Amino acid sequence: MSYLQVHFWPGGTEEQYQAMIKVLHPEGLPKGQRAHISGPADGGYLISVLWDSKEQSEAFMQNTLVPALPVKGGFAGNPEEHVAQVAHYDTI
């Protein structure tokens, strides 16, 4: 079942996002990541990621994200996070 993660970094900037993505996605989306949508939001930076499964999300977090931290010039601290098993997924 697909898995949605939404992260918000208060005070986050486009420059910090670019520093992070350069390290975490050097060759494009990681295995199992179906969509990656991001942009500046009121008061910070918002990232939404759609995974094929919760297990793939957890593997990325443990094997790629955590070992890479901290990323020079990237987001500081932990984001506000919301997750959900996807019940509905429609595209145009």
PDB file of N, CA and C in Angstrom:
ATOM      1  N   MET A   1       0.842  -1.184   0.000  1.00  0.00           N
ATOM      2  CA  MET A   1       0.000   0.000   0.000  1.00  0.00           C
ATOM      3  C   MET A   1       0.883   1.241   0.000  1.00  0.00           C
ATOM      4  N   SER A   2       0.535   2.229  -0.811  1.00  0.00           N
ATOM      5  CA  SER A   2       1.315   3.467  -0.892  1.00  0.00           C
ATOM      6  C   SER A   2       1.315   4.201   0.440  1.00  0.00           C
ATOM      7  N   TYR A   3       2.359   5.008   0.621  1.00  0.00           N
ATOM      8  CA  TYR A   3       2.609   5.670   1.899  1.00  0.00           C
ATOM      9  C   TYR A   3       2.982   7.123   1.623  1.00  0.00           C
ATOM     10  N   LEU A   4       2.354   8.039   2.321  1.00  0.00           N
ATOM     11  CA  LEU A   4       2.584   9.466   2.141  1.00  0.00           C
ATOM     12  C   LEU A   4       3.312  10.043   3.343  1.00  0.00           C
ATOM     13  N   GLN A   5       4.353  10.833   3.069  1.00  0.00           N
ATOM     14  CA  GLN A   5       5.052  11.582   4.117  1.00  0.00           C
ATOM     15  C   GLN A   5       4.974  13.061   3.760  1.00  0.00           C
ATOM     16  N   VAL A   6       4.687  13.879   4.742  1.00  0.00           N
ATOM     17  CA  VAL A   6       4.685  15.321   4.561  1.00  0.00           C
ATOM     18  C   VAL A   6       5.582  15.906   5.645  1.00  0.00           C
ATOM     19  N   HIS A   7       6.599  16.662   5.212  1.00  0.00           N
ATOM     20  CA  HIS A   7       7.540  17.295   6.141  1.00  0.00           C
ATOM     21  C   HIS A   7       7.471  18.803   5.967  1.00  0.00           C
ATOM     22  N   PHE A   8       7.481  19.514   7.084  1.00  0.00           N
ATOM     23  CA  PHE A   8       7.531  20.983   7.067  1.00  0.00           C
ATOM     24  C   PHE A   8       8.662  21.436   7.968  1.00  0.00           C
ATOM     25  N   TRP A   9       9.585  22.203   7.376  1.00  0.00           N
ATOM     26  CA  TRP A   9      10.677  22.785   8.150  1.00  0.00           C
ATOM     27  C   TRP A   9      10.375  24.253   8.387  1.00  0.00           C
ATOM     28  N   PRO A  10      10.002  24.630   9.625  1.00  0.00           N
ATOM     29  CA  PRO A  10       9.800  26.049   9.922  1.00  0.00           C
ATOM     30  C   PRO A  10      11.091  26.820   9.617  1.00  0.00           C
ATOM     31  N   GLY A  11      10.957  27.914   8.909  1.00  0.00           N
ATOM     32  CA  GLY A  11      12.114  28.737   8.571  1.00  0.00           C
ATOM     33  C   GLY A  11      12.966  28.172   7.449  1.00  0.00           C
ATOM     34  N   GLY A  12      12.597  27.015   6.883  1.00  0.00           N
ATOM     35  CA  GLY A  12      13.371  26.400   5.809  1.00  0.00           C
ATOM     36  C   GLY A  12      13.340  27.234   4.538  1.00  0.00           C
ATOM     37  N   THR A  13      14.415  27.133   3.757  1.00  0.00           N
ATOM     38  CA  THR A  13      14.542  27.925   2.534  1.00  0.00           C
ATOM     39  C   THR A  13      14.800  27.039   1.317  1.00  0.00           C
ATOM     40  N   GLU A  14      14.654  27.620   0.150  1.00  0.00           N
ATOM     41  CA  GLU A  14      14.956  26.924  -1.102  1.00  0.00           C
ATOM     42  C   GLU A  14      16.425  26.508  -1.148  1.00  0.00           C
ATOM     43  N   GLU A  15      17.302  27.362  -0.662  1.00  0.00           N
ATOM     44  CA  GLU A  15      18.731  27.050  -0.661  1.00  0.00           C
ATOM     45  C   GLU A  15      19.018  25.826   0.207  1.00  0.00           C
ATOM     46  N   GLN A  16      18.375  25.734   1.362  1.00  0.00           N
ATOM     47  CA  GLN A  16      18.559  24.569   2.231  1.00  0.00           C
ATOM     48  C   GLN A  16      18.014  23.312   1.558  1.00  0.00           C
ATOM     49  N   TYR A  17      16.865  23.438   0.909  1.00  0.00           N
ATOM     50  CA  TYR A  17      16.291  22.301   0.184  1.00  0.00           C
ATOM     51  C   TYR A  17      17.258  21.813  -0.886  1.00  0.00           C
ATOM     52  N   GLN A  18      17.810  22.726  -1.669  1.00  0.00           N
ATOM     53  CA  GLN A  18      18.720  22.342  -2.747  1.00  0.00           C
ATOM     54  C   GLN A  18      19.966  21.640  -2.205  1.00  0.00           C
ATOM     55  N   ALA A  19      20.482  22.088  -1.064  1.00  0.00           N
ATOM     56  CA  ALA A  19      21.634  21.431  -0.441  1.00  0.00           C
ATOM     57  C   ALA A  19      21.272  20.004  -0.049  1.00  0.00           C
ATOM     58  N   MET A  20      20.079  19.807   0.493  1.00  0.00           N
ATOM     59  CA  MET A  20      19.635  18.480   0.916  1.00  0.00           C
ATOM     60  C   MET A  20      19.433  17.555  -0.285  1.00  0.00           C
ATOM     61  N   ILE A  21      18.730  18.030  -1.292  1.00  0.00           N
ATOM     62  CA  ILE A  21      18.369  17.178  -2.422  1.00  0.00           C
ATOM     63  C   ILE A  21      19.614  16.761  -3.199  1.00  0.00           C
ATOM     64  N   LYS A  22      20.606  17.627  -3.245  1.00  0.00           N
ATOM     65  CA  LYS A  22      21.861  17.312  -3.930  1.00  0.00           C
ATOM     66  C   LYS A  22      22.550  16.100  -3.302  1.00  0.00           C
ATOM     67  N   VAL A  23      22.448  15.988  -1.990  1.00  0.00           N
ATOM     68  CA  VAL A  23      23.068  14.872  -1.270  1.00  0.00           C
ATOM     69  C   VAL A  23      22.162  13.635  -1.258  1.00  0.00           C
ATOM     70  N   LEU A  24      20.868  13.832  -1.058  1.00  0.00           N
ATOM     71  CA  LEU A  24      19.951  12.708  -0.858  1.00  0.00           C
ATOM     72  C   LEU A  24      19.403  12.097  -2.150  1.00  0.00           C
ATOM     73  N   HIS A  25      19.366  12.874  -3.229  1.00  0.00           N
ATOM     74  CA  HIS A  25      18.840  12.389  -4.514  1.00  0.00           C
ATOM     75  C   HIS A  25      19.827  12.702  -5.631  1.00  0.00           C
ATOM     76  N   PRO A  26      21.071  12.272  -5.538  1.00  0.00           N
ATOM     77  CA  PRO A  26      22.059  12.664  -6.548  1.00  0.00           C
ATOM     78  C   PRO A  26      21.760  12.136  -7.954  1.00  0.00           C
ATOM     79  N   GLU A  27      20.995  11.068  -8.048  1.00  0.00           N
ATOM     80  CA  GLU A  27      20.694  10.475  -9.354  1.00  0.00           C
ATOM     81  C   GLU A  27      19.195  10.400  -9.621  1.00  0.00           C
ATOM     82  N   GLY A  28      18.427  11.275  -9.006  1.00  0.00           N
ATOM     83  CA  GLY A  28      16.981  11.255  -9.172  1.00  0.00           C
ATOM     84  C   GLY A  28      16.300  10.609  -7.981  1.00  0.00           C
ATOM     85  N   LEU A  29      15.041  10.277  -8.146  1.00  0.00           N
ATOM     86  CA  LEU A  29      14.267   9.720  -7.044  1.00  0.00           C
ATOM     87  C   LEU A  29      14.825   8.364  -6.616  1.00  0.00           C
ATOM     88  N   PRO A  30      14.858   8.120  -5.310  1.00  0.00           N
ATOM     89  CA  PRO A  30      15.315   6.813  -4.837  1.00  0.00           C
ATOM     90  C   PRO A  30      14.291   5.724  -5.138  1.00  0.00           C
ATOM     91  N   LYS A  31      14.748   4.486  -5.079  1.00  0.00           N
ATOM     92  CA  LYS A  31      13.883   3.343  -5.345  1.00  0.00           C
ATOM     93  C   LYS A  31      12.651   3.386  -4.440  1.00  0.00           C
ATOM     94  N   GLY A  32      11.499   3.235  -5.044  1.00  0.00           N
ATOM     95  CA  GLY A  32      10.252   3.200  -4.292  1.00  0.00           C
ATOM     96  C   GLY A  32       9.588   4.547  -4.102  1.00  0.00           C
ATOM     97  N   GLN A  33      10.267   5.638  -4.457  1.00  0.00           N
ATOM     98  CA  GLN A  33       9.653   6.958  -4.319  1.00  0.00           C
ATOM     99  C   GLN A  33       8.943   7.274  -5.625  1.00  0.00           C
ATOM    100  N   ARG A  34       7.635   7.354  -5.567  1.00  0.00           N
ATOM    101  CA  ARG A  34       6.803   7.558  -6.748  1.00  0.00           C
ATOM    102  C   ARG A  34       6.673   9.028  -7.119  1.00  0.00           C
ATOM    103  N   ALA A  35       6.639   9.906  -6.114  1.00  0.00           N
ATOM    104  CA  ALA A  35       6.493  11.345  -6.368  1.00  0.00           C
ATOM    105  C   ALA A  35       7.163  12.127  -5.250  1.00  0.00           C
ATOM    106  N   HIS A  36       7.729  13.263  -5.618  1.00  0.00           N
ATOM    107  CA  HIS A  36       8.388  14.160  -4.668  1.00  0.00           C
ATOM    108  C   HIS A  36       7.961  15.567  -5.048  1.00  0.00           C
ATOM    109  N   ILE A  37       7.211  16.216  -4.154  1.00  0.00           N
ATOM    110  CA  ILE A  37       6.646  17.532  -4.435  1.00  0.00           C
ATOM    111  C   ILE A  37       7.071  18.457  -3.312  1.00  0.00           C
ATOM    112  N   SER A  38       7.634  19.615  -3.664  1.00  0.00           N
ATOM    113  CA  SER A  38       8.154  20.496  -2.619  1.00  0.00           C
ATOM    114  C   SER A  38       8.077  21.953  -3.033  1.00  0.00           C
ATOM    115  N   GLY A  39       8.166  22.830  -2.034  1.00  0.00           N
ATOM    116  CA  GLY A  39       8.207  24.256  -2.318  1.00  0.00           C
ATOM    117  C   GLY A  39       8.124  25.080  -1.049  1.00  0.00           C
ATOM    118  N   PRO A  40       8.475  26.361  -1.206  1.00  0.00           N
ATOM    119  CA  PRO A  40       8.374  27.257  -0.070  1.00  0.00           C
ATOM    120  C   PRO A  40       6.912  27.407   0.345  1.00  0.00           C
ATOM    121  N   ALA A  41       6.707  27.430   1.649  1.00  0.00           N
ATOM    122  CA  ALA A  41       5.359  27.582   2.200  1.00  0.00           C
ATOM    123  C   ALA A  41       5.402  28.701   3.232  1.00  0.00           C
ATOM    124  N   ASP A  42       4.254  29.156   3.626  1.00  0.00           N
ATOM    125  CA  ASP A  42       4.179  30.226   4.610  1.00  0.00           C
ATOM    126  C   ASP A  42       4.980  29.853   5.855  1.00  0.00           C
ATOM    127  N   GLY A  43       6.086  30.550   6.080  1.00  0.00           N
ATOM    128  CA  GLY A  43       6.874  30.338   7.289  1.00  0.00           C
ATOM    129  C   GLY A  43       7.902  29.224   7.214  1.00  0.00           C
ATOM    130  N   GLY A  44       8.114  28.623   6.028  1.00  0.00           N
ATOM    131  CA  GLY A  44       9.087  27.539   5.959  1.00  0.00           C
ATOM    132  C   GLY A  44       9.097  26.837   4.624  1.00  0.00           C
ATOM    133  N   TYR A  45       9.398  25.550   4.658  1.00  0.00           N
ATOM    134  CA  TYR A  45       9.513  24.755   3.438  1.00  0.00           C
ATOM    135  C   TYR A  45       8.758  23.445   3.607  1.00  0.00           C
ATOM    136  N   LEU A  46       7.969  23.071   2.601  1.00  0.00           N
ATOM    137  CA  LEU A  46       7.099  21.906   2.671  1.00  0.00           C
ATOM    138  C   LEU A  46       7.517  20.872   1.625  1.00  0.00           C
ATOM    139  N   ILE A  47       7.607  19.612   2.051  1.00  0.00           N
ATOM    140  CA  ILE A  47       7.949  18.515   1.150  1.00  0.00           C
ATOM    141  C   ILE A  47       6.936  17.395   1.347  1.00  0.00           C
ATOM    142  N   SER A  48       6.352  16.930   0.254  1.00  0.00           N
ATOM    143  CA  SER A  48       5.442  15.783   0.267  1.00  0.00           C
ATOM    144  C   SER A  48       6.047  14.697  -0.597  1.00  0.00           C
ATOM    145  N   VAL A  49       6.093  13.483  -0.074  1.00  0.00           N
ATOM    146  CA  VAL A  49       6.700  12.369  -0.786  1.00  0.00           C
ATOM    147  C   VAL A  49       5.730  11.193  -0.783  1.00  0.00           C
ATOM    148  N   LEU A  50       5.532  10.613  -1.965  1.00  0.00           N
ATOM    149  CA  LEU A  50       4.698   9.426  -2.095  1.00  0.00           C
ATOM    150  C   LEU A  50       5.610   8.234  -2.352  1.00  0.00           C
ATOM    151  N   TRP A  51       5.511   7.230  -1.485  1.00  0.00           N
ATOM    152  CA  TRP A  51       6.296   6.007  -1.582  1.00  0.00           C
ATOM    153  C   TRP A  51       5.413   4.850  -2.016  1.00  0.00           C
ATOM    154  N   ASP A  52       6.025   3.839  -2.619  1.00  0.00           N
ATOM    155  CA  ASP A  52       5.294   2.630  -2.954  1.00  0.00           C
ATOM    156  C   ASP A  52       4.854   1.896  -1.692  1.00  0.00           C
ATOM    157  N   SER A  53       5.649   2.017  -0.611  1.00  0.00           N
ATOM    158  CA  SER A  53       5.300   1.351   0.653  1.00  0.00           C
ATOM    159  C   SER A  53       5.969   2.036   1.828  1.00  0.00           C
ATOM    160  N   LYS A  54       5.441   1.800   3.008  1.00  0.00           N
ATOM    161  CA  LYS A  54       6.040   2.311   4.239  1.00  0.00           C
ATOM    162  C   LYS A  54       7.435   1.729   4.428  1.00  0.00           C
ATOM    163  N   GLU A  55       7.619   0.479   4.059  1.00  0.00           N
ATOM    164  CA  GLU A  55       8.920  -0.183   4.219  1.00  0.00           C
ATOM    165  C   GLU A  55       9.998   0.511   3.379  1.00  0.00           C
ATOM    166  N   GLN A  56       9.664   0.928   2.166  1.00  0.00           N
ATOM    167  CA  GLN A  56      10.642   1.624   1.329  1.00  0.00           C
ATOM    168  C   GLN A  56      10.987   2.985   1.911  1.00  0.00           C
ATOM    169  N   SER A  57       9.998   3.652   2.472  1.00  0.00           N
ATOM    170  CA  SER A  57      10.244   4.924   3.136  1.00  0.00           C
ATOM    171  C   SER A  57      11.202   4.735   4.313  1.00  0.00           C
ATOM    172  N   GLU A  58      10.928   3.736   5.134  1.00  0.00           N
ATOM    173  CA  GLU A  58      11.767   3.478   6.299  1.00  0.00           C
ATOM    174  C   GLU A  58      13.185   3.088   5.896  1.00  0.00           C
ATOM    175  N   ALA A  59      13.335   2.312   4.829  1.00  0.00           N
ATOM    176  CA  ALA A  59      14.658   1.921   4.349  1.00  0.00           C
ATOM    177  C   ALA A  59      15.450   3.147   3.895  1.00  0.00           C
ATOM    178  N   PHE A  60      14.796   4.065   3.188  1.00  0.00           N
ATOM    179  CA  PHE A  60      15.464   5.293   2.756  1.00  0.00           C
ATOM    180  C   PHE A  60      15.899   6.113   3.963  1.00  0.00           C
ATOM    181  N   MET A  61      15.012   6.251   4.922  1.00  0.00           N
ATOM    182  CA  MET A  61      15.336   7.036   6.112  1.00  0.00           C
ATOM    183  C   MET A  61      16.548   6.437   6.839  1.00  0.00           C
ATOM    184  N   GLN A  62      16.551   5.136   7.044  1.00  0.00           N
ATOM    185  CA  GLN A  62      17.619   4.476   7.796  1.00  0.00           C
ATOM    186  C   GLN A  62      18.922   4.368   7.014  1.00  0.00           C
ATOM    187  N   ASN A  63      18.843   4.081   5.720  1.00  0.00           N
ATOM    188  CA  ASN A  63      20.046   3.779   4.942  1.00  0.00           C
ATOM    189  C   ASN A  63      20.630   4.965   4.189  1.00  0.00           C
ATOM    190  N   THR A  64      19.829   6.002   3.966  1.00  0.00           N
ATOM    191  CA  THR A  64      20.302   7.143   3.191  1.00  0.00           C
ATOM    192  C   THR A  64      20.235   8.445   3.979  1.00  0.00           C
ATOM    193  N   LEU A  65      19.053   8.770   4.483  1.00  0.00           N
ATOM    194  CA  LEU A  65      18.876  10.060   5.138  1.00  0.00           C
ATOM    195  C   LEU A  65      19.686  10.188   6.424  1.00  0.00           C
ATOM    196  N   VAL A  66      19.459   9.311   7.369  1.00  0.00           N
ATOM    197  CA  VAL A  66      20.123   9.420   8.673  1.00  0.00           C
ATOM    198  C   VAL A  66      21.650   9.393   8.545  1.00  0.00           C
ATOM    199  N   PRO A  67      22.232   8.472   7.756  1.00  0.00           N
ATOM    200  CA  PRO A  67      23.696   8.479   7.631  1.00  0.00           C
ATOM    201  C   PRO A  67      24.258   9.768   7.003  1.00  0.00           C
ATOM    202  N   ALA A  68      23.456  10.478   6.193  1.00  0.00           N
ATOM    203  CA  ALA A  68      23.926  11.692   5.518  1.00  0.00           C
ATOM    204  C   ALA A  68      23.866  12.934   6.408  1.00  0.00           C
ATOM    205  N   LEU A  69      23.140  12.862   7.508  1.00  0.00           N
ATOM    206  CA  LEU A  69      22.956  14.045   8.357  1.00  0.00           C
ATOM    207  C   LEU A  69      24.163  14.308   9.238  1.00  0.00           C
ATOM    208  N   PRO A  70      24.437  15.559   9.548  1.00  0.00           N
ATOM    209  CA  PRO A  70      23.813  16.758   8.981  1.00  0.00           C
ATOM    210  C   PRO A  70      24.385  17.063   7.601  1.00  0.00           C
ATOM    211  N   VAL A  71      23.556  17.648   6.750  1.00  0.00           N
ATOM    212  CA  VAL A  71      23.985  18.060   5.422  1.00  0.00           C
ATOM    213  C   VAL A  71      24.406  19.521   5.510  1.00  0.00           C
ATOM    214  N   LYS A  72      25.635  19.809   5.090  1.00  0.00           N
ATOM    215  CA  LYS A  72      26.135  21.178   5.129  1.00  0.00           C
ATOM    216  C   LYS A  72      25.231  22.087   4.302  1.00  0.00           C
ATOM    217  N   GLY A  73      24.716  23.128   4.923  1.00  0.00           N
ATOM    218  CA  GLY A  73      23.829  24.076   4.252  1.00  0.00           C
ATOM    219  C   GLY A  73      22.395  23.625   4.163  1.00  0.00           C
ATOM    220  N   GLY A  74      22.092  22.412   4.669  1.00  0.00           N
ATOM    221  CA  GLY A  74      20.734  21.875   4.594  1.00  0.00           C
ATOM    222  C   GLY A  74      19.869  22.310   5.761  1.00  0.00           C
ATOM    223  N   PHE A  75      18.693  21.723   5.844  1.00  0.00           N
ATOM    224  CA  PHE A  75      17.761  22.025   6.915  1.00  0.00           C
ATOM    225  C   PHE A  75      18.366  21.670   8.267  1.00  0.00           C
ATOM    226  N   ALA A  76      18.060  22.483   9.257  1.00  0.00           N
ATOM    227  CA  ALA A  76      18.531  22.230  10.614  1.00  0.00           C
ATOM    228  C   ALA A  76      17.396  21.647  11.443  1.00  0.00           C
ATOM    229  N   GLY A  77      17.724  20.732  12.332  1.00  0.00           N
ATOM    230  CA  GLY A  77      16.726  20.166  13.233  1.00  0.00           C
ATOM    231  C   GLY A  77      15.801  19.209  12.532  1.00  0.00           C
ATOM    232  N   ASN A  78      14.746  18.858  13.224  1.00  0.00           N
ATOM    233  CA  ASN A  78      13.758  17.911  12.701  1.00  0.00           C
ATOM    234  C   ASN A  78      12.538  18.645  12.169  1.00  0.00           C
ATOM    235  N   PRO A  79      11.935  18.110  11.106  1.00  0.00           N
ATOM    236  CA  PRO A  79      10.741  18.740  10.570  1.00  0.00           C
ATOM    237  C   PRO A  79       9.499  18.351  11.368  1.00  0.00           C
ATOM    238  N   GLU A  80       8.446  19.107  11.151  1.00  0.00           N
ATOM    239  CA  GLU A  80       7.126  18.657  11.576  1.00  0.00           C
ATOM    240  C   GLU A  80       6.750  17.581  10.559  1.00  0.00           C
ATOM    241  N   GLU A  81       6.275  16.438  11.024  1.00  0.00           N
ATOM    242  CA  GLU A  81       6.015  15.332  10.099  1.00  0.00           C
ATOM    243  C   GLU A  81       4.602  14.793  10.269  1.00  0.00           C
ATOM    244  N   HIS A  82       3.998  14.473   9.130  1.00  0.00           N
ATOM    245  CA  HIS A  82       2.714  13.771   9.101  1.00  0.00           C
ATOM    246  C   HIS A  82       2.848  12.639   8.092  1.00  0.00           C
ATOM    247  N   VAL A  83       2.297  11.488   8.416  1.00  0.00           N
ATOM    248  CA  VAL A  83       2.351  10.328   7.524  1.00  0.00           C
ATOM    249  C   VAL A  83       0.964   9.703   7.426  1.00  0.00           C
ATOM    250  N   ALA A  84       0.748   8.963   6.319  1.00  0.00           N
ATOM    251  CA  ALA A  84      -0.541   8.293   6.140  1.00  0.00           C
ATOM    252  C   ALA A  84      -0.404   7.143   5.154  1.00  0.00           C
ATOM    253  N   GLN A  85      -1.149   6.076   5.390  1.00  0.00           N
ATOM    254  CA  GLN A  85      -1.332   5.061   4.358  1.00  0.00           C
ATOM    255  C   GLN A  85      -2.268   5.703   3.341  1.00  0.00           C
ATOM    256  N   VAL A  86      -1.938   5.582   2.080  1.00  0.00           N
ATOM    257  CA  VAL A  86      -2.727   6.245   1.041  1.00  0.00           C
ATOM    258  C   VAL A  86      -4.001   5.448   0.768  1.00  0.00           C
ATOM    259  N   ALA A  87      -5.124   6.123   0.892  1.00  0.00           N
ATOM    260  CA  ALA A  87      -6.417   5.494   0.631  1.00  0.00           C
ATOM    261  C   ALA A  87      -6.929   5.862  -0.759  1.00  0.00           C
ATOM    262  N   HIS A  88      -6.513   7.045  -1.263  1.00  0.00           N
ATOM    263  CA  HIS A  88      -6.974   7.515  -2.564  1.00  0.00           C
ATOM    264  C   HIS A  88      -5.818   8.191  -3.289  1.00  0.00           C
ATOM    265  N   TYR A  89      -5.592   7.809  -4.527  1.00  0.00           N
ATOM    266  CA  TYR A  89      -4.513   8.403  -5.326  1.00  0.00           C
ATOM    267  C   TYR A  89      -5.025   8.555  -6.759  1.00  0.00           C
ATOM    268  N   ASP A  90      -5.299   9.784  -7.158  1.00  0.00           N
ATOM    269  CA  ASP A  90      -5.807  10.058  -8.494  1.00  0.00           C
ATOM    270  C   ASP A  90      -4.846  11.001  -9.200  1.00  0.00           C
ATOM    271  N   THR A  91      -4.704  10.848 -10.486  1.00  0.00           N
ATOM    272  CA  THR A  91      -3.907  11.761 -11.301  1.00  0.00           C
ATOM    273  C   THR A  91      -4.736  12.208 -12.488  1.00  0.00           C
ATOM    274  N   ILE A  92      -4.246  13.214 -13.137  1.00  0.00           N
ATOM    275  CA  ILE A  92      -4.967  13.751 -14.307  1.00  0.00           C
ATOM    276  C   ILE A  92      -4.684  12.874 -15.501  1.00  0.00           C
TER     277      ILE A  92
END
